[in-house]
Structure formats: C-alpha cells, structure tokens
Amino acid sequence: MILREERPWGGFEVLHQENGLKIKKIFVLPGNRLSLQSHEHRNEYWVVVRGRALVTLEDQTHELIPGQGIFIPEQARHRVANPESAELVFIEVQRGDYLGEDDITRFQDDYRRI
C-alpha cells in the first residue's frame, strides 16, 4: 500500500518502509520549495527522477538534473526548490534510528509552519 500525503509545496508517497529505512517519491510543484530544515535522527539521499532541483545544503547550492543525487547528513540544514514550470520528482532514501515526520526543525518556511 502506497501512502500519499499532500503538502503546500506538493506531496510524497511512501514507497517502502522498514526498521531504519524509508523510501519516498517526492513531488514538488512548479515554483515551490520545501522549508529550510534539518533532522536530528536521520540522513537522506536524494536522486532526481524528473525536472531540475536546486538543493541548498548548508552554505552551498547544488543544481541537480535527472540521475544526479546528493547526500544530506544528519543535522545539516537543507532544502530543495523547483525553479521550473513542470513538476519536480525525486526519490528520497532515509536512514536512521527514527524516521517520523516530526523529526524536523524548520529554520525558514514559505508556508509559515515554523
């Protein structure tokens, strides 16, 4: 069973989950971005499937196209933005001792969820 959750910036589907591992397919609507955030209990690896991603990781910005990926360490400030006019799709692999959606600290958020 695939669980899909909607967010103001797009949404995600949980493709697989087991102890210490969660795999999501994330959709970012055109012109939207996720909050600048960090996680205490997990790291993430993102691979772009469709579109172009602008990834902020600490003080650097990385542009990723389909097939390219980036590692997000625990506690690193990060965000992804979709600068294009079409939907951005990427796969997120989470590894850690706690993978709940509430393991998030927001530093900036376009949707006032801080």
Foldseek 3Di string as FASTA:
>chain_A
DWDWDADPQGTWIFPDDDQFKTKIKTKGAAFGKFFFKFFAWKKKKKAWQQAWKFKDWAPDTDIHHHGDMDIHDHPIGMMIGGNDNGMTIMMMMIGGRDDDPPRMDGDGGPVPPD
